[in-house]
Each structure stands twice: as structure tokens, then as C-alpha cells.
């Protein structure tokens, strides 16, 4: 198995395991972990020509380093991110998605996706974002950007585009929906009855 296939399958397996951990939220940690491990193993067992993880990979594509890092954190962390770090991650991912996807789909004349093919300005700007996030004690954001840059620099995925290491539609959807839910909760809390 090629390293790119291994990491490509790791994303869906981690997603299945994390979903099991989240859906069994009130169970004791040992039971939740056992369920997540069992689900991960079952996702790798082939039925027909491919495993469930391979079918899921075919539907979603390879998950970004950001998604994989968040899934690993979900599986290993004893407690969720604090509100400040959670909000910083959601804002950064939502802004990246809103800057990338509409323009890459032809909304304007500029296509930021093209800059992901080795533009030193993009890599440098992301390096500065990681340093600024680290300086502001936003460690998960700094670590996510640094991991994505490192994986891209060594060509970890099949894609040679830096954007594919930073963001994918699933993590973008998560960030945007989480921010929208945050806004709705704030409005409902402050609305007069």
C-alpha cells in the first residue's frame, strides 16, 4: 500500500471512529473507545472489492490535514477545546473556505486555488499565520497550519496543491455551521421574550 493510500484511508477511518465516540457521548470512556476501535476495524474490512473506508474515501476524497488533526484530537482528547481556540479554528477555516471555494468555482476573475501550486507568497503568509497564532497562544490553529505546511512540503498527499492540505469541504462545512449555530444561540439568548 502506497503512503498516499494509507493516509487517504486513514481520514475516513478516523471519521468513523470519531463519529462513534461523539454519538456514544454519555458512555464511559473505555466503552466509547472500544466502540470507536471496533468501528475503525470494521471500516477497514473489505466487502466486495473495497472496504467501507475506501468507499467513503471515494465519496469524500482525501481529507485535509486540518480534518485529520481535528479527528485525532477528538479521539485522543479528554476534554474539548476551550472556547477561544475553538472559535479561532472555526473562524480561520470558515474564512479560508469562503475565500477559496466561491472564487475557485468562478465567482471572480481571481482563482486562489492556483496559488496553492507552489506560490511562495501563500506558503510564507501561512507560515506567518502559524507564527501569529502560536504567539497568540492559539496552539491548535498554529499546529494545524504548521502540520499542513509540513505535509505539503514533503508531498505527503497525491495532490501538489497546498489548499488540499489545509481545507476540505467537510471541515469547511463544520466550521461554517458551527459559526452559524453560535450566532443563532447568541441571538436567542439576547432576544427579548
Protein backbone atom coordinates (compact mmCIF):
# COMPACT_ATOMS: atom_id res chain seq x y z
CA UNK A 1 0.00 0.00 0.00
CA UNK A 2 1.39 3.39 -1.00
CA UNK A 3 1.75 6.04 1.74
CA UNK A 4 -0.80 8.23 -0.05
CA UNK A 5 -3.33 5.37 0.04
CA UNK A 6 -2.61 4.80 3.72
CA UNK A 7 -3.24 8.43 4.62
CA UNK A 8 -6.20 8.61 2.24
CA UNK A 9 -7.86 5.70 4.06
CA UNK A 10 -6.86 7.00 7.49
CA UNK A 11 -9.16 10.00 7.13
CA UNK A 12 -12.41 8.04 6.66
CA UNK A 13 -11.38 5.53 9.35
CA UNK A 14 -10.73 8.37 11.80
CA UNK A 15 -14.06 9.98 10.82
CA UNK A 16 -15.95 6.75 11.54
CA UNK A 17 -14.16 6.30 14.87
CA UNK A 18 -14.73 9.94 15.90
CA UNK A 19 -18.41 9.72 14.96
CA UNK A 20 -18.76 6.67 17.21
CA UNK A 21 -17.00 8.49 20.06
CA UNK A 22 -19.29 11.50 19.71
CA UNK A 23 -22.51 9.53 19.28
CA UNK A 24 -21.80 7.47 22.41
CA UNK A 25 -21.07 10.63 24.42
CA UNK A 26 -22.50 9.63 27.80
CA UNK A 27 -20.95 6.17 27.91
CA UNK A 28 -17.83 5.58 30.00
CA UNK A 29 -14.64 6.44 28.11
CA UNK A 30 -13.48 2.80 27.95
CA UNK A 31 -16.72 1.71 26.24
CA UNK A 32 -16.62 4.66 23.83
CA UNK A 33 -13.02 3.84 22.93
CA UNK A 34 -13.84 0.15 22.39
CA UNK A 35 -16.74 1.12 20.11
CA UNK A 36 -14.53 3.53 18.13
CA UNK A 37 -11.79 0.91 17.69
CA UNK A 38 -14.32 -1.74 16.62
CA UNK A 39 -15.89 0.66 14.12
CA UNK A 40 -12.46 1.58 12.72
CA UNK A 41 -11.54 -2.09 12.25
CA UNK A 42 -14.89 -2.84 10.61
CA UNK A 43 -14.42 0.13 8.26
CA UNK A 44 -11.20 -1.48 7.00
CA UNK A 45 -12.63 -4.94 6.31
CA UNK A 46 -13.31 -5.33 2.58
CA UNK A 47 -16.74 -6.26 1.35
CA UNK A 48 -16.88 -6.68 -2.37
CA UNK A 49 -13.84 -5.05 -3.89
CA UNK A 50 -13.31 -2.31 -1.32
CA UNK A 51 -13.69 -1.59 2.37
CA UNK A 52 -16.24 0.87 3.74
CA UNK A 53 -13.38 3.31 4.34
CA UNK A 54 -12.37 3.09 0.67
CA UNK A 55 -15.95 3.71 -0.45
CA UNK A 56 -16.14 6.69 1.90
CA UNK A 57 -12.82 7.98 0.57
CA UNK A 58 -14.21 7.69 -2.96
CA UNK A 59 -17.21 9.80 -1.96
CA UNK A 60 -15.36 12.48 0.01
CA UNK A 61 -11.86 12.46 -1.43
CA UNK A 62 -8.83 12.71 0.83
CA UNK A 63 -9.45 14.68 3.99
CA UNK A 64 -7.20 17.65 4.63
CA UNK A 65 -4.53 17.65 7.31
CA UNK A 66 -6.80 20.03 9.24
CA UNK A 67 -9.61 17.47 9.24
CA UNK A 68 -7.32 14.62 10.22
CA UNK A 69 -5.79 16.67 13.05
CA UNK A 70 -9.23 17.60 14.40
CA UNK A 71 -10.39 13.98 14.19
CA UNK A 72 -7.29 12.74 16.02
CA UNK A 73 -7.81 15.38 18.68
CA UNK A 74 -11.45 14.34 19.02
CA UNK A 75 -10.37 10.75 19.58
CA UNK A 76 -7.49 11.41 21.98
CA UNK A 77 -8.55 14.46 23.98
CA UNK A 78 -10.13 14.06 27.37
CA UNK A 79 -11.89 17.42 27.08
CA UNK A 80 -12.99 19.67 24.23
CA UNK A 81 -11.05 22.72 23.11
CA UNK A 82 -11.54 25.84 25.16
CA UNK A 83 -13.96 28.38 23.64
CA UNK A 84 -11.21 30.74 22.43
CA UNK A 85 -9.29 28.09 20.50
CA UNK A 86 -12.49 26.54 19.17
CA UNK A 87 -13.70 29.91 17.87
CA UNK A 88 -10.30 30.73 16.32
CA UNK A 89 -10.25 27.41 14.43
CA UNK A 90 -13.81 27.84 13.21
CA UNK A 91 -13.21 31.41 12.03
CA UNK A 92 -9.93 30.53 10.27
CA UNK A 93 -11.46 27.54 8.48
CA UNK A 94 -14.64 29.40 7.55
CA UNK A 95 -12.68 32.37 6.18
CA UNK A 96 -10.42 30.05 4.17
CA UNK A 97 -13.48 28.26 2.77
CA UNK A 98 -15.30 31.47 1.90
CA UNK A 99 -12.17 32.87 0.27
CA UNK A 100 -11.30 29.71 -1.63
CA UNK A 101 -14.40 27.87 -2.81
CA UNK A 102 -16.55 30.62 -4.39
CA UNK A 103 -13.57 32.12 -6.23
CA UNK A 104 -12.23 28.73 -7.31
CA UNK A 105 -15.67 27.93 -8.70
CA UNK A 106 -15.58 31.02 -10.92
CA UNK A 107 -17.25 33.75 -8.87
CA UNK A 108 -14.47 36.20 -9.70
CA UNK A 109 -11.52 36.57 -12.03
CA UNK A 110 -9.00 35.50 -9.37
CA UNK A 111 -8.60 31.80 -8.60
CA UNK A 112 -6.83 31.34 -5.25
CA UNK A 113 -6.63 27.56 -5.79
CA UNK A 114 -3.95 28.15 -8.44
CA UNK A 115 -1.74 29.81 -5.83
CA UNK A 116 -1.65 26.51 -3.94
CA UNK A 117 0.66 25.03 -6.58
CA UNK A 118 3.91 26.27 -5.07
CA UNK A 119 3.30 30.02 -4.68
CA UNK A 120 5.93 31.12 -2.13
CA UNK A 121 3.73 34.05 -1.06
CA UNK A 122 0.94 31.72 0.04
CA UNK A 123 3.33 29.45 1.92
CA UNK A 124 5.01 32.46 3.53
CA UNK A 125 1.69 34.03 4.52
CA UNK A 126 0.55 30.76 6.07
CA UNK A 127 3.84 30.49 7.94
CA UNK A 128 3.19 33.97 9.35
CA UNK A 129 -0.36 32.93 10.29
CA UNK A 130 1.05 29.93 12.16
CA UNK A 131 3.58 32.12 13.99
CA UNK A 132 0.94 34.72 14.87
CA UNK A 133 -1.41 32.01 16.13
CA UNK A 134 1.38 30.48 18.21
CA UNK A 135 2.25 33.92 19.62
CA UNK A 136 -1.43 34.47 20.50
CA UNK A 137 -1.50 31.08 22.31
CA UNK A 138 -3.84 29.61 19.68
CA UNK A 139 -1.85 26.39 19.64
CA UNK A 140 -4.35 24.17 17.75
CA UNK A 141 -4.56 26.70 14.90
CA UNK A 142 -0.78 27.15 14.80
CA UNK A 143 -0.21 23.40 14.89
CA UNK A 144 -2.81 22.73 12.18
CA UNK A 145 -1.27 25.24 9.77
CA UNK A 146 2.26 24.05 10.55
CA UNK A 147 1.31 20.40 10.02
CA UNK A 148 -0.41 21.21 6.72
CA UNK A 149 2.62 23.19 5.51
CA UNK A 150 4.99 20.41 6.54
CA UNK A 151 2.91 17.68 4.89
CA UNK A 152 2.68 19.75 1.69
CA UNK A 153 6.42 20.44 1.72
CA UNK A 154 7.23 16.73 1.74
CA UNK A 155 4.44 15.80 -0.70
CA UNK A 156 2.53 13.61 1.73
CA UNK A 157 -0.69 13.52 -0.31
CA UNK A 158 -1.16 12.83 -4.01
CA UNK A 159 -2.19 16.44 -4.54
CA UNK A 160 0.51 19.03 -5.02
CA UNK A 161 -1.82 21.86 -4.00
CA UNK A 162 -1.36 23.41 -0.57
CA UNK A 163 -5.07 24.18 -0.27
CA UNK A 164 -5.85 20.44 -0.29
CA UNK A 165 -3.67 20.05 2.80
CA UNK A 166 -5.30 22.99 4.59
CA UNK A 167 -9.01 22.59 3.98
CA UNK A 168 -11.63 20.27 2.55
CA UNK A 169 -15.39 20.68 2.10
CA UNK A 170 -16.24 18.63 5.20
CA UNK A 171 -14.16 20.68 7.64
CA UNK A 172 -15.32 23.87 5.91
CA UNK A 173 -18.94 22.79 6.37
CA UNK A 174 -18.27 22.03 10.05
CA UNK A 175 -16.70 25.45 10.65
CA UNK A 176 -19.40 27.45 8.87
CA UNK A 177 -22.29 25.55 10.50
CA UNK A 178 -20.65 25.86 13.94
CA UNK A 179 -20.29 29.62 13.50
CA UNK A 180 -23.88 29.95 12.29
CA UNK A 181 -25.13 27.94 15.30
CA UNK A 182 -23.05 30.16 17.58
CA UNK A 183 -24.71 33.23 16.07
CA UNK A 184 -28.20 31.77 16.40
CA UNK A 185 -27.58 30.86 20.06
CA UNK A 186 -26.33 34.38 20.77
CA UNK A 187 -29.40 35.91 19.11
CA UNK A 188 -31.75 33.62 21.02
CA UNK A 189 -30.03 34.45 24.33
CA UNK A 190 -30.31 38.19 23.80
CA UNK A 191 -33.78 38.24 22.20
CA UNK A 192 -36.49 39.69 24.46
CA UNK A 193 -39.28 37.29 25.36
